[in-house]
Amino acid sequence: QVQLVESGGGLVQAGGSLRLSCAASGRIFNIDAMGWYRQAPGKQRELVASITSGGSTSYTDSVKGRFTISRDNAKKTVSLQMNSLESEDTAVYYCNAQLLGGTFPYAYSDYWGQGTQVTVSS
């Protein structure tokens, strides 16, 4: 079994900061890319930031310069540091990982966290 557990969400004032964390556990042989998605009410889920196994990062335009994604391969974690938060950042944030593991037959698949609410008040 594979599980992604997220933490760090909450309520913050505009201009403030939050740090989201996601830890992967279970039968995992390798983790390729990891990322953070978000979904606001009435909107489609969008990719916020991603990071490859080698540490190459990418961000959606709306968060560039404000958010930073990082990972710790030894701990099997990925984090999202969110600074200068805006009301438009309010959404449920989901951790995603492309990994080899789970149950037999083993194959690379997408796994998702349960989501954590981020609410930015203005």
C-alpha atoms as a PDB file:
ATOM      1  CA  GLN A   1       0.000   0.000   0.000  1.00  0.00           C
ATOM      2  CA  VAL A   2       1.046   3.570  -0.700  1.00  0.00           C
ATOM      3  CA  GLN A   3      -0.146   6.591   1.180  1.00  0.00           C
ATOM      4  CA  LEU A   4       0.525  10.297   0.752  1.00  0.00           C
ATOM      5  CA  VAL A   5      -0.218  12.352   3.847  1.00  0.00           C
ATOM      6  CA  GLU A   6      -0.404  16.131   3.643  1.00  0.00           C
ATOM      7  CA  SER A   7      -0.116  18.693   6.390  1.00  0.00           C
ATOM      8  CA  GLY A   8       0.324  22.408   6.876  1.00  0.00           C
ATOM      9  CA  GLY A   9      -2.905  23.838   5.535  1.00  0.00           C
ATOM     10  CA  GLY A  10      -4.911  26.406   7.391  1.00  0.00           C
ATOM     11  CA  LEU A  11      -6.161  29.956   7.525  1.00  0.00           C
ATOM     12  CA  VAL A  12      -3.770  32.800   6.864  1.00  0.00           C
ATOM     13  CA  GLN A  13      -4.092  36.498   6.143  1.00  0.00           C
ATOM     14  CA  ALA A  14      -3.206  37.917   2.762  1.00  0.00           C
ATOM     15  CA  GLY A  15       0.504  38.532   2.554  1.00  0.00           C
ATOM     16  CA  GLY A  16       1.262  35.739   4.978  1.00  0.00           C
ATOM     17  CA  SER A  17       2.988  32.417   4.498  1.00  0.00           C
ATOM     18  CA  LEU A  18       2.263  28.730   4.826  1.00  0.00           C
ATOM     19  CA  ARG A  19       4.340  25.643   4.269  1.00  0.00           C
ATOM     20  CA  LEU A  20       2.673  22.479   3.034  1.00  0.00           C
ATOM     21  CA  SER A  21       4.307  19.108   3.456  1.00  0.00           C
ATOM     22  CA  CYS A  22       3.562  15.694   2.022  1.00  0.00           C
ATOM     23  CA  ALA A  23       5.075  12.409   3.123  1.00  0.00           C
ATOM     24  CA  ALA A  24       4.900   9.219   1.081  1.00  0.00           C
ATOM     25  CA  SER A  25       4.920   5.864   2.802  1.00  0.00           C
ATOM     26  CA  GLY A  26       4.265   2.223   2.053  1.00  0.00           C
ATOM     27  CA  ARG A  27       5.701  -0.134  -0.513  1.00  0.00           C
ATOM     28  CA  ILE A  28       7.624   2.319  -2.691  1.00  0.00           C
ATOM     29  CA  PHE A  29      10.541   1.382  -4.917  1.00  0.00           C
ATOM     30  CA  ASN A  30      11.129   4.680  -6.678  1.00  0.00           C
ATOM     31  CA  ILE A  31       9.563   8.124  -6.895  1.00  0.00           C
ATOM     32  CA  ASP A  32       9.806  10.053 -10.126  1.00  0.00           C
ATOM     33  CA  ALA A  33       8.123  13.448 -10.308  1.00  0.00           C
ATOM     34  CA  MET A  34       6.202  15.010  -7.449  1.00  0.00           C
ATOM     35  CA  GLY A  35       3.926  17.990  -7.503  1.00  0.00           C
ATOM     36  CA  TRP A  36       1.271  20.104  -5.903  1.00  0.00           C
ATOM     37  CA  TYR A  37      -2.139  20.707  -7.413  1.00  0.00           C
ATOM     38  CA  ARG A  38      -4.950  22.890  -6.191  1.00  0.00           C
ATOM     39  CA  GLN A  39      -8.647  23.138  -6.813  1.00  0.00           C
ATOM     40  CA  ALA A  40     -10.809  26.092  -5.921  1.00  0.00           C
ATOM     41  CA  PRO A  41     -14.604  25.833  -5.709  1.00  0.00           C
ATOM     42  CA  GLY A  42     -16.144  25.758  -9.159  1.00  0.00           C
ATOM     43  CA  LYS A  43     -12.783  25.543 -10.888  1.00  0.00           C
ATOM     44  CA  GLN A  44     -10.737  22.780 -12.437  1.00  0.00           C
ATOM     45  CA  ARG A  45      -7.815  21.253 -10.642  1.00  0.00           C
ATOM     46  CA  GLU A  46      -4.587  22.885 -11.750  1.00  0.00           C
ATOM     47  CA  LEU A  47      -0.943  22.041 -11.404  1.00  0.00           C
ATOM     48  CA  VAL A  48       0.742  24.566  -9.144  1.00  0.00           C
ATOM     49  CA  ALA A  49       4.298  23.289  -9.007  1.00  0.00           C
ATOM     50  CA  SER A  50       6.241  20.184  -9.884  1.00  0.00           C
ATOM     51  CA  ILE A  51       9.690  18.828  -9.212  1.00  0.00           C
ATOM     52  CA  THR A  52      11.532  15.994 -10.908  1.00  0.00           C
ATOM     53  CA  SER A  53      13.572  13.353  -9.168  1.00  0.00           C
ATOM     54  CA  GLY A  54      16.672  15.347 -10.081  1.00  0.00           C
ATOM     55  CA  GLY A  55      15.353  18.562  -8.571  1.00  0.00           C
ATOM     56  CA  SER A  56      14.202  20.433 -11.670  1.00  0.00           C
ATOM     57  CA  THR A  57      11.203  22.615 -10.816  1.00  0.00           C
ATOM     58  CA  SER A  58       8.405  24.322 -12.673  1.00  0.00           C
ATOM     59  CA  TYR A  59       5.576  26.609 -11.588  1.00  0.00           C
ATOM     60  CA  THR A  60       2.358  27.937 -12.935  1.00  0.00           C
ATOM     61  CA  ASP A  61       2.631  31.617 -13.806  1.00  0.00           C
ATOM     62  CA  SER A  62       0.388  32.859 -11.018  1.00  0.00           C
ATOM     63  CA  VAL A  63       2.695  31.583  -8.263  1.00  0.00           C
ATOM     64  CA  LYS A  64       6.117  32.231  -9.755  1.00  0.00           C
ATOM     65  CA  GLY A  65       8.297  34.157  -7.363  1.00  0.00           C
ATOM     66  CA  ARG A  66       6.003  33.417  -4.432  1.00  0.00           C
ATOM     67  CA  PHE A  67       5.958  29.625  -4.097  1.00  0.00           C
ATOM     68  CA  THR A  68       8.878  27.231  -3.831  1.00  0.00           C
ATOM     69  CA  ILE A  69       8.653  23.473  -4.193  1.00  0.00           C
ATOM     70  CA  SER A  70      11.282  21.186  -2.726  1.00  0.00           C
ATOM     71  CA  ARG A  71      11.758  17.523  -1.973  1.00  0.00           C
ATOM     72  CA  ASP A  72      13.769  15.267   0.269  1.00  0.00           C
ATOM     73  CA  ASN A  73      14.328  11.970  -1.490  1.00  0.00           C
ATOM     74  CA  ALA A  74      15.671  10.254   1.608  1.00  0.00           C
ATOM     75  CA  LYS A  75      12.577  11.167   3.601  1.00  0.00           C
ATOM     76  CA  LYS A  76      10.231  10.726   0.622  1.00  0.00           C
ATOM     77  CA  THR A  77       8.686  14.106   1.195  1.00  0.00           C
ATOM     78  CA  VAL A  78       7.757  17.096  -0.916  1.00  0.00           C
ATOM     79  CA  SER A  79       7.014  20.561   0.405  1.00  0.00           C
ATOM     80  CA  LEU A  80       5.519  23.759  -0.905  1.00  0.00           C
ATOM     81  CA  GLN A  81       6.595  27.015   0.689  1.00  0.00           C
ATOM     82  CA  MET A  82       3.955  29.632  -0.038  1.00  0.00           C
ATOM     83  CA  ASN A  83       4.799  33.273   0.559  1.00  0.00           C
ATOM     84  CA  SER A  84       2.931  36.503  -0.136  1.00  0.00           C
ATOM     85  CA  LEU A  85      -0.326  34.607  -0.205  1.00  0.00           C
ATOM     86  CA  GLU A  86      -3.286  36.128  -1.984  1.00  0.00           C
ATOM     87  CA  SER A  87      -6.992  35.475  -1.710  1.00  0.00           C
ATOM     88  CA  GLU A  88      -6.828  33.858  -5.137  1.00  0.00           C
ATOM     89  CA  ASP A  89      -4.617  31.152  -3.642  1.00  0.00           C
ATOM     90  CA  THR A  90      -7.535  29.839  -1.595  1.00  0.00           C
ATOM     91  CA  ALA A  91      -8.106  26.228  -2.608  1.00  0.00           C
ATOM     92  CA  VAL A  92      -7.716  22.630  -1.591  1.00  0.00           C
ATOM     93  CA  TYR A  93      -4.130  21.640  -2.253  1.00  0.00           C
ATOM     94  CA  TYR A  94      -3.271  18.086  -3.271  1.00  0.00           C
ATOM     95  CA  CYS A  95       0.050  16.327  -3.230  1.00  0.00           C
ATOM     96  CA  ASN A  96       0.836  14.137  -6.232  1.00  0.00           C
ATOM     97  CA  ALA A  97       3.582  11.611  -6.846  1.00  0.00           C
ATOM     98  CA  GLN A  98       4.495   9.459  -9.797  1.00  0.00           C
ATOM     99  CA  LEU A  99       6.003   6.388  -8.223  1.00  0.00           C
ATOM    100  CA  LEU A 100       6.775   2.734  -8.652  1.00  0.00           C
ATOM    101  CA  GLY A 101       5.131   0.749  -5.937  1.00  0.00           C
ATOM    102  CA  GLY A 102       1.815  -0.167  -4.474  1.00  0.00           C
ATOM    103  CA  THR A 103       0.476  -3.622  -5.175  1.00  0.00           C
ATOM    104  CA  PHE A 104       1.572  -6.202  -7.717  1.00  0.00           C
ATOM    105  CA  PRO A 105       1.891  -5.896 -10.706  1.00  0.00           C
ATOM    106  CA  TYR A 106       4.115  -2.954  -9.957  1.00  0.00           C
ATOM    107  CA  ALA A 107       4.001  -0.021 -12.338  1.00  0.00           C
ATOM    108  CA  TYR A 108       4.538   3.699 -12.297  1.00  0.00           C
ATOM    109  CA  SER A 109       1.290   5.364 -11.356  1.00  0.00           C
ATOM    110  CA  ASP A 110      -0.035   8.634  -9.988  1.00  0.00           C
ATOM    111  CA  TYR A 111      -0.815   8.751  -6.293  1.00  0.00           C
ATOM    112  CA  TRP A 112      -2.666  11.522  -4.512  1.00  0.00           C
ATOM    113  CA  GLY A 113      -2.907  12.892  -1.033  1.00  0.00           C
ATOM    114  CA  GLN A 114      -6.220  13.546   0.637  1.00  0.00           C
ATOM    115  CA  GLY A 115      -5.985  17.297   0.168  1.00  0.00           C
ATOM    116  CA  THR A 116      -5.481  20.107   2.633  1.00  0.00           C
ATOM    117  CA  GLN A 117      -7.460  23.331   2.750  1.00  0.00           C
ATOM    118  CA  VAL A 118      -5.670  26.643   2.356  1.00  0.00           C
ATOM    119  CA  THR A 119      -7.771  29.713   3.032  1.00  0.00           C
ATOM    120  CA  VAL A 120      -6.367  33.201   2.565  1.00  0.00           C
ATOM    121  CA  SER A 121      -8.351  36.030   4.097  1.00  0.00           C
ATOM    122  CA  SER A 122      -8.148  39.618   2.892  1.00  0.00           C
END
